[in-house]
């Protein structure tokens, strides 16, 4: 989340209280990662499951069964503390409720385009989805709700899930329980590039998936990039981002906590404060320094704040909104005396959290219902987060009756003749001739030179 020199000029004068220490985006493509992923995918496509097993052994130390048995998946919740299990069940329920409501609002429809001509749309789910459930530095337990569960709410018939082995017992039980709650059809203890390759190339006793979804590290993201086109993807997510847009009414301790709450995702996770109050900005900086002292993840969150943290003072709320739209943050919190102004004004963000009681962590863990797979790196300018609509194809159809020929065919004749596309022209002409150009249906229609 950088503001370029050109963007700064367009925004007009504003004040930096803290600039990122690193000059440049945090998620540049590493040529070594690109090359390694390319090699791995070629190896997997060539040698199939043998290559997948080899990478599982070499990279994850896993030589056990790749597939998690359905009985083990059902019992995965038994290994969890009761309160964690209950919280996961709550998270699944709320995420599913929101996704189901989204699906209900995407309705098939027909419209009369012209007399005798009907156009329509059917929302058809993709057939097969492969979901990657990360379990790296911190297992993200709600990931299955956002990917597997939302795909199922969209009506996807088959959803496979892969998650890295973690220890001698295979996949993390909490991640498995999330996949079980979400309705995954089959789950595999496979991590990284080999997981995406196995699903995309159809190596898991299944046909190739149509779409790959889910977050991951730089290797996973690069694998999705290279497989795109062969399969669909949700989006190419970089490091987690957060921005808080606040005025003098905001609580600096809460703002600081929410910025650090996302900074701890990784040492290259940007966190920005956009404020109309210089006093608040300085108090937030002080609060972050204090909170980092006692934070268990300060080595990660502190590095992210030092290198990618920023505080910008805008001259008024309109400029604050404009700055936010330039940054296009993945997560955007609004804590002001007039939150509704920003709800109406803002255009570029992954997901919006309105008011001081709406912290990003509620969505991260699935408890607020909305999806946490969101666009990063300013791609919110043209992209949206994962939702049921991403798994649905709005397929159009048309139905024209004989009596609609007069409303359709003559114009197609004209346009096609002008373009020089004789075969296009002929498809209209034969229908006109079937009715009879002088039948009266075409009265007043200028004749078209059909090259006969």
Protein backbone atom coordinates (compact mmCIF):
# COMPACT_ATOMS: atom_id res chain seq x y z
CA UNK A 1 0.00 0.00 0.00
CA UNK A 2 2.24 2.74 -1.32
CA UNK A 3 1.32 6.19 -2.58
CA UNK A 4 3.31 6.95 -5.72
CA UNK A 5 4.58 10.40 -6.61
CA UNK A 6 1.96 10.74 -9.35
CA UNK A 7 -0.80 9.73 -6.96
CA UNK A 8 0.45 12.17 -4.34
CA UNK A 9 0.36 15.04 -6.82
CA UNK A 10 -3.21 14.18 -7.76
CA UNK A 11 -4.28 14.06 -4.12
CA UNK A 12 -2.90 17.48 -3.27
CA UNK A 13 -0.98 18.43 -0.11
CA UNK A 14 -1.14 16.06 2.86
CA UNK A 15 1.21 15.25 5.74
CA UNK A 16 3.20 12.11 6.48
CA UNK A 17 3.68 11.39 10.18
CA UNK A 18 5.25 8.04 9.32
CA UNK A 19 6.34 6.71 5.96
CA UNK A 20 7.11 3.06 5.18
CA UNK A 21 10.82 2.37 5.63
CA UNK A 22 10.83 0.10 2.59
CA UNK A 23 10.37 1.96 -0.68
CA UNK A 24 8.36 -0.34 -2.89
CA UNK A 25 5.57 -2.90 -2.75
CA UNK A 26 6.03 -5.77 -0.30
CA UNK A 27 5.04 -8.53 -2.69
CA UNK A 28 7.40 -8.37 -5.64
CA UNK A 29 7.69 -11.60 -7.60
CA UNK A 30 10.97 -13.28 -6.69
CA UNK A 31 12.61 -14.69 -9.86
CA UNK A 32 13.90 -17.63 -7.84
CA UNK A 33 10.36 -18.43 -6.67
CA UNK A 34 9.04 -18.16 -10.22
CA UNK A 35 11.72 -20.51 -11.53
CA UNK A 36 11.29 -23.04 -8.72
CA UNK A 37 7.51 -23.17 -9.08
CA UNK A 38 7.82 -23.61 -12.85
CA UNK A 39 10.22 -26.53 -12.34
CA UNK A 40 7.97 -28.16 -9.75
CA UNK A 41 4.80 -27.89 -11.83
CA UNK A 42 6.55 -29.33 -14.88
CA UNK A 43 7.88 -32.21 -12.75
CA UNK A 44 4.42 -32.89 -11.27
CA UNK A 45 2.70 -32.77 -14.64
CA UNK A 46 5.31 -35.14 -16.11
CA UNK A 47 5.66 -37.67 -13.26
CA UNK A 48 2.28 -37.40 -11.63
CA UNK A 49 1.65 -38.66 -8.11
CA UNK A 50 5.22 -39.95 -7.76
CA UNK A 51 6.43 -36.35 -7.95
CA UNK A 52 3.77 -35.22 -5.46
CA UNK A 53 4.87 -37.89 -2.97
CA UNK A 54 8.51 -36.96 -3.49
CA UNK A 55 7.84 -33.30 -2.70
CA UNK A 56 5.69 -34.28 0.29
CA UNK A 57 8.63 -36.22 1.69
CA UNK A 58 11.34 -33.68 0.88
CA UNK A 59 9.49 -30.47 1.75
CA UNK A 60 7.02 -31.55 4.46
CA UNK A 61 8.69 -34.69 5.83
CA UNK A 62 5.48 -36.61 5.16
CA UNK A 63 5.43 -40.22 3.95
CA UNK A 64 1.99 -41.24 5.22
CA UNK A 65 -1.28 -41.44 3.35
CA UNK A 66 -2.00 -38.43 1.22
CA UNK A 67 -5.75 -38.62 1.70
CA UNK A 68 -7.33 -38.03 5.07
CA UNK A 69 -9.74 -40.91 5.70
CA UNK A 70 -13.38 -39.84 5.97
CA UNK A 71 -13.61 -41.41 9.44
CA UNK A 72 -10.59 -39.40 10.61
CA UNK A 73 -12.12 -36.26 9.14
CA UNK A 74 -15.35 -36.84 11.05
CA UNK A 75 -13.43 -37.38 14.31
CA UNK A 76 -11.05 -34.43 13.85
CA UNK A 77 -13.07 -32.23 16.19
CA UNK A 78 -12.56 -34.70 19.04
CA UNK A 79 -8.92 -33.61 19.30
CA UNK A 80 -9.85 -29.98 19.96
CA UNK A 81 -10.66 -28.18 23.20
CA UNK A 82 -14.41 -27.85 23.57
CA UNK A 83 -14.34 -24.06 23.46
CA UNK A 84 -12.28 -24.02 20.24
CA UNK A 85 -14.59 -26.56 18.66
CA UNK A 86 -17.65 -24.48 19.60
CA UNK A 87 -16.03 -21.32 18.23
CA UNK A 88 -15.27 -23.05 14.92
CA UNK A 89 -18.83 -24.29 14.66
CA UNK A 90 -20.07 -20.76 15.27
CA UNK A 91 -17.72 -19.39 12.62
CA UNK A 92 -18.88 -21.93 10.05
CA UNK A 93 -22.54 -21.24 10.83
CA UNK A 94 -22.21 -17.48 10.38
CA UNK A 95 -20.07 -17.66 7.25
CA UNK A 96 -22.49 -20.15 5.74
CA UNK A 97 -25.46 -17.96 6.67
CA UNK A 98 -23.96 -14.95 4.91
CA UNK A 99 -22.94 -16.96 1.84
CA UNK A 100 -26.37 -18.59 1.59
CA UNK A 101 -28.00 -15.15 1.70
CA UNK A 102 -25.67 -13.98 -1.08
CA UNK A 103 -26.69 -16.95 -3.21
CA UNK A 104 -30.36 -16.24 -2.63
CA UNK A 105 -29.91 -12.72 -4.03
CA UNK A 106 -28.37 -13.97 -7.29
CA UNK A 107 -31.52 -14.91 -9.16
CA UNK A 108 -32.00 -16.37 -12.61
CA UNK A 109 -34.07 -14.06 -14.77
CA UNK A 110 -35.56 -13.50 -18.24
CA UNK A 111 -36.30 -10.20 -19.97
CA UNK A 112 -38.21 -9.34 -23.14
CA UNK A 113 -35.58 -7.71 -25.35
CA UNK A 114 -37.98 -7.10 -28.23
CA UNK A 115 -41.31 -8.57 -29.31
CA UNK A 116 -40.70 -12.31 -29.67
CA UNK A 117 -37.15 -12.12 -28.25
CA UNK A 118 -36.32 -13.27 -24.73
CA UNK A 119 -32.89 -13.04 -23.09
CA UNK A 120 -32.07 -14.81 -19.86
CA UNK A 121 -29.40 -15.65 -17.30
CA UNK A 122 -28.86 -18.82 -15.32
CA UNK A 123 -26.36 -18.90 -12.47
CA UNK A 124 -24.57 -22.23 -12.91
CA UNK A 125 -21.91 -23.31 -10.39
CA UNK A 126 -18.56 -24.56 -11.60
CA UNK A 127 -18.31 -28.33 -11.34
CA UNK A 128 -15.10 -28.91 -9.41
CA UNK A 129 -13.16 -26.71 -7.00
CA UNK A 130 -9.83 -27.28 -5.29
CA UNK A 131 -9.33 -25.37 -2.04
CA UNK A 132 -5.95 -24.80 -0.43
CA UNK A 133 -6.09 -24.51 3.37
CA UNK A 134 -2.85 -22.95 4.68
CA UNK A 135 -1.26 -24.12 7.90
CA UNK A 136 2.11 -22.37 8.01
CA UNK A 137 3.44 -20.09 10.76
CA UNK A 138 -0.09 -19.79 12.12
CA UNK A 139 -2.87 -22.20 11.02
CA UNK A 140 -5.76 -20.08 9.78
CA UNK A 141 -8.66 -22.09 11.08
CA UNK A 142 -11.44 -20.22 9.26
CA UNK A 143 -9.95 -20.74 5.79
CA UNK A 144 -12.19 -23.70 4.99
CA UNK A 145 -15.32 -21.68 5.80
CA UNK A 146 -14.32 -19.04 3.26
CA UNK A 147 -13.38 -21.43 0.45
CA UNK A 148 -14.89 -24.89 0.83
CA UNK A 149 -18.00 -23.68 2.64
CA UNK A 150 -18.74 -20.78 0.30
CA UNK A 151 -18.23 -23.02 -2.75
CA UNK A 152 -20.73 -25.47 -1.31
CA UNK A 153 -23.19 -22.64 -0.58
CA UNK A 154 -22.86 -21.69 -4.25
CA UNK A 155 -23.85 -25.25 -5.23
CA UNK A 156 -20.47 -26.61 -6.38
CA UNK A 157 -20.95 -30.42 -6.56
CA UNK A 158 -17.35 -31.45 -5.80
CA UNK A 159 -14.87 -29.61 -3.57
CA UNK A 160 -11.45 -31.07 -2.81
CA UNK A 161 -9.26 -29.59 -0.08
CA UNK A 162 -5.51 -29.82 0.49
CA UNK A 163 -3.67 -28.72 3.61
CA UNK A 164 -0.01 -29.19 4.58
CA UNK A 165 0.96 -31.98 6.97
CA UNK A 166 1.94 -30.58 10.36
CA UNK A 167 3.89 -33.05 12.42
CA UNK A 168 3.84 -36.83 12.69
CA UNK A 169 0.05 -37.07 12.76
CA UNK A 170 -0.59 -35.40 9.43
CA UNK A 171 -2.82 -32.39 8.89
CA UNK A 172 -3.75 -30.01 11.70
CA UNK A 173 -6.93 -31.31 13.41
CA UNK A 174 -8.50 -27.84 13.67
CA UNK A 175 -7.98 -27.24 9.94
CA UNK A 176 -9.46 -30.67 9.23
CA UNK A 177 -12.47 -29.94 11.42
CA UNK A 178 -13.07 -26.71 9.53
CA UNK A 179 -12.98 -28.66 6.27
CA UNK A 180 -15.38 -31.24 7.70
CA UNK A 181 -17.86 -28.61 8.88
CA UNK A 182 -17.66 -26.88 5.50
CA UNK A 183 -18.58 -29.99 3.56
CA UNK A 184 -15.35 -30.87 1.75
CA UNK A 185 -15.87 -34.00 -0.33
CA UNK A 186 -12.28 -35.19 0.03
CA UNK A 187 -9.33 -33.83 2.01
CA UNK A 188 -5.63 -34.45 1.40
CA UNK A 189 -2.55 -33.87 3.53
CA UNK A 190 -0.55 -32.19 0.78
CA UNK A 191 1.07 -28.78 0.99
CA UNK A 192 2.34 -26.05 -1.26
CA UNK A 193 2.92 -26.21 -5.00
CA UNK A 194 2.45 -29.98 -5.08
CA UNK A 195 -1.07 -29.61 -3.69
CA UNK A 196 -2.14 -27.15 -6.37
CA UNK A 197 -0.49 -29.19 -9.10
CA UNK A 198 -2.16 -32.40 -7.92
CA UNK A 199 -5.60 -30.81 -7.99
CA UNK A 200 -5.09 -28.95 -11.26
CA UNK A 201 -3.62 -31.96 -13.10
CA UNK A 202 -6.20 -34.45 -11.80
CA UNK A 203 -3.77 -36.66 -9.87
CA UNK A 204 -5.95 -37.47 -6.84
CA UNK A 205 -8.15 -40.15 -8.40
CA UNK A 206 -10.33 -37.27 -9.50
CA UNK A 207 -10.75 -35.27 -12.67
CA UNK A 208 -8.83 -31.97 -12.77
CA UNK A 209 -10.52 -29.18 -10.84
CA UNK A 210 -12.01 -26.25 -12.71
CA UNK A 211 -10.92 -23.67 -10.14
CA UNK A 212 -8.30 -23.24 -7.41
CA UNK A 213 -8.99 -21.06 -4.38
CA UNK A 214 -7.36 -20.20 -1.08
CA UNK A 215 -4.48 -18.20 0.31
CA UNK A 216 -0.90 -19.35 0.74
CA UNK A 217 2.73 -18.31 0.75
CA UNK A 218 4.69 -16.87 -2.17
CA UNK A 219 5.11 -20.34 -3.73
CA UNK A 220 1.39 -21.09 -3.55
CA UNK A 221 0.53 -17.70 -5.03
CA UNK A 222 3.02 -18.17 -7.87
CA UNK A 223 1.65 -21.65 -8.57
CA UNK A 224 -1.85 -20.20 -8.89
CA UNK A 225 -0.48 -17.53 -11.22
CA UNK A 226 1.18 -20.11 -13.47
CA UNK A 227 -1.83 -22.45 -13.46
CA UNK A 228 -4.31 -19.68 -14.27
CA UNK A 229 -5.79 -20.29 -17.68
CA UNK A 230 -5.61 -24.02 -17.26
CA UNK A 231 -7.88 -23.53 -14.25
CA UNK A 232 -9.67 -20.53 -12.82
CA UNK A 233 -8.49 -18.93 -9.60
CA UNK A 234 -10.04 -16.70 -6.96
CA UNK A 235 -7.34 -14.01 -6.83
CA UNK A 236 -3.60 -13.54 -6.35
CA UNK A 237 -3.32 -12.40 -2.77
CA UNK A 238 -0.18 -10.77 -1.40
CA UNK A 239 0.64 -10.01 2.24
CA UNK A 240 -2.31 -9.11 4.44
CA UNK A 241 -3.10 -5.37 4.55
CA UNK A 242 -5.06 -3.09 6.83
CA UNK A 243 -5.90 0.60 6.84
CA UNK A 244 -7.80 2.50 9.51
CA UNK A 245 -9.53 5.73 8.52
CA UNK A 246 -10.08 7.70 11.74
CA UNK A 247 -10.73 11.19 13.06
CA UNK A 248 -10.24 12.84 16.44
CA UNK A 249 -13.16 10.87 17.94
CA UNK A 250 -11.35 7.53 17.56
CA UNK A 251 -9.68 5.76 20.46
CA UNK A 252 -5.91 5.66 19.71
CA UNK A 253 -5.42 2.48 21.75
CA UNK A 254 -8.07 0.66 19.72
CA UNK A 255 -6.72 1.95 16.42
CA UNK A 256 -3.21 0.85 17.39
CA UNK A 257 -4.45 -2.60 18.40
CA UNK A 258 -6.30 -3.08 15.12
CA UNK A 259 -3.28 -2.03 13.06
CA UNK A 260 -1.06 -4.50 14.91
CA UNK A 261 -3.75 -7.17 14.64
CA UNK A 262 -3.10 -7.37 10.91
CA UNK A 263 0.60 -6.51 11.00
CA UNK A 264 1.26 -9.76 12.86
CA UNK A 265 0.22 -11.76 9.79
CA UNK A 266 3.75 -11.33 8.48
CA UNK A 267 6.80 -9.06 8.52
CA UNK A 268 5.79 -7.57 5.16
CA UNK A 269 2.14 -6.86 6.01
CA UNK A 270 1.33 -3.15 5.44
CA UNK A 271 -0.67 -1.23 8.05
CA UNK A 272 -1.78 2.36 7.45
CA UNK A 273 -3.57 5.03 9.44
CA UNK A 274 -5.37 7.74 7.47
CA UNK A 275 -6.57 10.50 9.74
CA UNK A 276 -7.83 14.06 9.68
CA UNK A 277 -6.27 14.65 13.14
CA UNK A 278 -2.52 15.05 13.56
CA UNK A 279 -2.99 14.67 17.31
CA UNK A 280 -4.67 11.28 16.87
CA UNK A 281 -1.95 10.19 14.47
CA UNK A 282 0.80 10.92 16.99
CA UNK A 283 -1.10 9.23 19.82
CA UNK A 284 -1.60 6.10 17.68
CA UNK A 285 2.14 5.94 16.92
CA UNK A 286 2.88 6.17 20.66
CA UNK A 287 0.25 3.52 21.45
CA UNK A 288 1.72 1.12 18.88
CA UNK A 289 5.17 1.48 20.44
CA UNK A 290 3.72 0.72 23.89
CA UNK A 291 1.64 -2.23 22.74
CA UNK A 292 4.53 -3.80 20.86
CA UNK A 293 6.54 -4.01 24.08
CA UNK A 294 4.24 -6.68 25.52
CA UNK A 295 3.09 -8.35 22.30
CA UNK A 296 4.02 -12.02 21.91
CA UNK A 297 4.27 -11.58 18.14
CA UNK A 298 6.24 -8.30 18.30
CA UNK A 299 9.09 -9.70 16.21
CA UNK A 300 6.68 -10.10 13.29
CA UNK A 301 4.26 -7.23 13.92
CA UNK A 302 7.05 -4.84 14.88
CA UNK A 303 8.99 -5.54 11.70
CA UNK A 304 5.86 -5.05 9.61
CA UNK A 305 5.06 -1.73 11.30
CA UNK A 306 8.65 -0.51 11.02
CA UNK A 307 9.07 -1.39 7.35
CA UNK A 308 5.54 -1.07 5.94
CA UNK A 309 3.58 0.99 8.46
CA UNK A 310 2.40 4.50 7.59
CA UNK A 311 0.45 7.40 9.08
CA UNK A 312 -1.05 10.04 6.80
CA UNK A 313 -2.80 13.23 7.88
CA UNK A 314 -5.42 14.45 5.39
CA UNK A 315 -6.64 18.05 5.26
CA UNK A 316 -10.32 17.00 5.41
CA UNK A 317 -12.56 13.97 5.19
CA UNK A 318 -12.90 14.17 1.39
CA UNK A 319 -9.14 13.94 0.97
CA UNK A 320 -9.01 11.14 3.55
CA UNK A 321 -11.46 9.14 1.44
CA UNK A 322 -9.45 9.90 -1.70
CA UNK A 323 -6.22 8.72 -0.05
CA UNK A 324 -7.93 5.53 1.07
CA UNK A 325 -9.18 4.86 -2.45
CA UNK A 326 -5.63 5.29 -3.79
CA UNK A 327 -4.33 2.74 -1.28
CA UNK A 328 -7.23 0.34 -1.97
CA UNK A 329 -6.54 -1.68 1.20
CA UNK A 330 -7.54 -5.29 1.67
CA UNK A 331 -9.15 -4.49 5.04
CA UNK A 332 -10.43 -0.99 5.76
CA UNK A 333 -11.74 0.13 9.15
CA UNK A 334 -13.64 3.40 9.52
CA UNK A 335 -13.76 4.99 12.99
CA UNK A 336 -15.15 8.51 12.69
CA UNK A 337 -18.02 10.67 13.85
CA UNK A 338 -19.66 10.31 10.41
CA UNK A 339 -19.08 6.74 9.29
CA UNK A 340 -22.02 6.86 6.87
CA UNK A 341 -20.25 9.55 4.83
CA UNK A 342 -17.36 7.18 4.21
CA UNK A 343 -19.64 4.20 3.53
CA UNK A 344 -21.15 6.21 0.65
CA UNK A 345 -17.91 7.83 -0.51
CA UNK A 346 -15.37 4.99 -0.49
CA UNK A 347 -14.93 2.87 -3.60
CA UNK A 348 -11.74 0.79 -3.32
CA UNK A 349 -11.34 -1.78 -0.56
CA UNK A 350 -11.51 -5.52 -0.06
CA UNK A 351 -13.91 -5.41 2.88
CA UNK A 352 -15.13 -2.48 5.00
CA UNK A 353 -15.41 -2.50 8.79
CA UNK A 354 -17.63 0.33 9.99
CA UNK A 355 -17.34 1.77 13.46
CA UNK A 356 -14.97 1.06 16.37
CA UNK A 357 -16.79 -2.14 17.31
CA UNK A 358 -16.13 -3.75 13.89
CA UNK A 359 -12.57 -5.03 14.09
CA UNK A 360 -11.04 -6.99 11.20
CA UNK A 361 -10.34 -10.00 13.41
CA UNK A 362 -14.07 -10.73 13.63
CA UNK A 363 -14.10 -11.42 9.89
CA UNK A 364 -10.68 -13.10 9.87
CA UNK A 365 -12.02 -15.83 12.14
CA UNK A 366 -15.34 -16.21 10.34
CA UNK A 367 -17.39 -14.89 13.23
CA UNK A 368 -18.80 -11.87 11.36
CA UNK A 369 -19.89 -13.95 8.35
CA UNK A 370 -18.10 -12.09 5.55
CA UNK A 371 -15.29 -13.61 3.52
CA UNK A 372 -11.63 -13.00 4.38
CA UNK A 373 -10.20 -13.97 0.98
CA UNK A 374 -9.74 -10.41 -0.32
CA UNK A 375 -7.81 -8.45 -2.96
CA UNK A 376 -4.44 -6.93 -2.00
CA UNK A 377 -1.80 -4.75 -3.68
CA UNK A 378 -4.29 -2.09 -4.88
CA UNK A 379 -6.21 -4.66 -6.92
CA UNK A 380 -9.38 -3.64 -5.04
CA UNK A 381 -9.61 -0.93 -7.72
CA UNK A 382 -11.03 -3.58 -10.07
CA UNK A 383 -11.47 -6.73 -8.02
CA UNK A 384 -13.60 -7.98 -5.16
CA UNK A 385 -13.16 -10.62 -2.50
CA UNK A 386 -14.19 -14.24 -2.74
CA UNK A 387 -17.93 -14.86 -2.55
CA UNK A 388 -20.54 -17.25 -3.88
CA UNK A 389 -20.63 -15.21 -7.10
CA UNK A 390 -17.04 -16.23 -7.90
CA UNK A 391 -18.12 -19.87 -8.06
CA UNK A 392 -21.13 -19.12 -10.27
CA UNK A 393 -21.14 -18.61 -14.01
CA UNK A 394 -23.89 -16.17 -15.07
CA UNK A 395 -24.65 -17.97 -18.33
CA UNK A 396 -26.85 -16.17 -20.83
CA UNK A 397 -29.33 -17.62 -23.27
CA UNK A 398 -31.61 -16.23 -25.96
CA UNK A 399 -34.88 -17.45 -27.42
CA UNK A 400 -36.17 -15.78 -30.60
CA UNK A 401 -39.54 -16.59 -32.16
CA UNK A 402 -40.35 -16.48 -35.88
CA UNK A 403 -42.19 -13.20 -35.45
CA UNK A 404 -39.03 -11.58 -34.02
CA UNK A 405 -37.16 -11.94 -37.32
CA UNK A 406 -38.20 -8.48 -38.49
CA UNK A 407 -36.78 -6.94 -35.31
CA UNK A 408 -33.45 -8.78 -35.62
CA UNK A 409 -32.45 -9.92 -39.07
CA UNK A 410 -32.42 -6.71 -41.18
CA UNK A 411 -30.05 -4.91 -38.80
CA UNK A 412 -27.77 -7.94 -38.71
CA UNK A 413 -27.76 -7.98 -42.51
CA UNK A 414 -26.69 -4.34 -42.64
CA UNK A 415 -23.96 -4.61 -40.02
CA UNK A 416 -22.54 -7.85 -41.44
CA UNK A 417 -22.51 -6.51 -45.00
CA UNK A 418 -20.71 -3.37 -43.84
CA UNK A 419 -18.15 -5.49 -41.99
CA UNK A 420 -17.68 -7.77 -44.98
CA UNK A 421 -18.70 -10.88 -43.02
CA UNK A 422 -20.78 -12.64 -45.67
CA UNK A 423 -21.50 -15.79 -43.67
CA UNK A 424 -22.83 -13.75 -40.77
CA UNK A 425 -25.01 -11.86 -43.23
CA UNK A 426 -26.31 -15.10 -44.70
CA UNK A 427 -27.56 -16.40 -41.35
CA UNK A 428 -29.95 -13.45 -41.23
CA UNK A 429 -30.79 -13.54 -44.93
CA UNK A 430 -31.98 -17.15 -44.96
CA UNK A 431 -34.39 -16.39 -42.16
CA UNK A 432 -35.72 -13.30 -43.94
CA UNK A 433 -36.13 -15.32 -47.12
CA UNK A 434 -37.95 -18.09 -45.24
CA UNK A 435 -40.61 -15.61 -44.19
CA UNK A 436 -40.49 -13.70 -47.46
CA UNK A 437 -38.89 -10.30 -47.77
CA UNK A 438 -42.10 -8.90 -49.25
CA UNK A 439 -44.49 -10.58 -46.86
CA UNK A 440 -45.26 -7.32 -45.15
CA UNK A 441 -43.22 -8.15 -42.05
CA UNK A 442 -40.33 -6.15 -43.46
CA UNK A 443 -42.22 -3.14 -44.82
CA UNK A 444 -40.15 0.02 -44.56
CA UNK A 445 -36.90 -1.86 -44.20
CA UNK A 446 -34.31 -0.65 -46.73
CA UNK A 447 -32.99 -3.35 -49.00
CA UNK A 448 -29.45 -4.56 -48.36
CA UNK A 449 -27.03 -5.54 -51.09
CA UNK A 450 -26.32 -9.14 -50.21
CA UNK A 451 -23.76 -9.69 -52.95
CA UNK A 452 -25.92 -12.05 -54.96
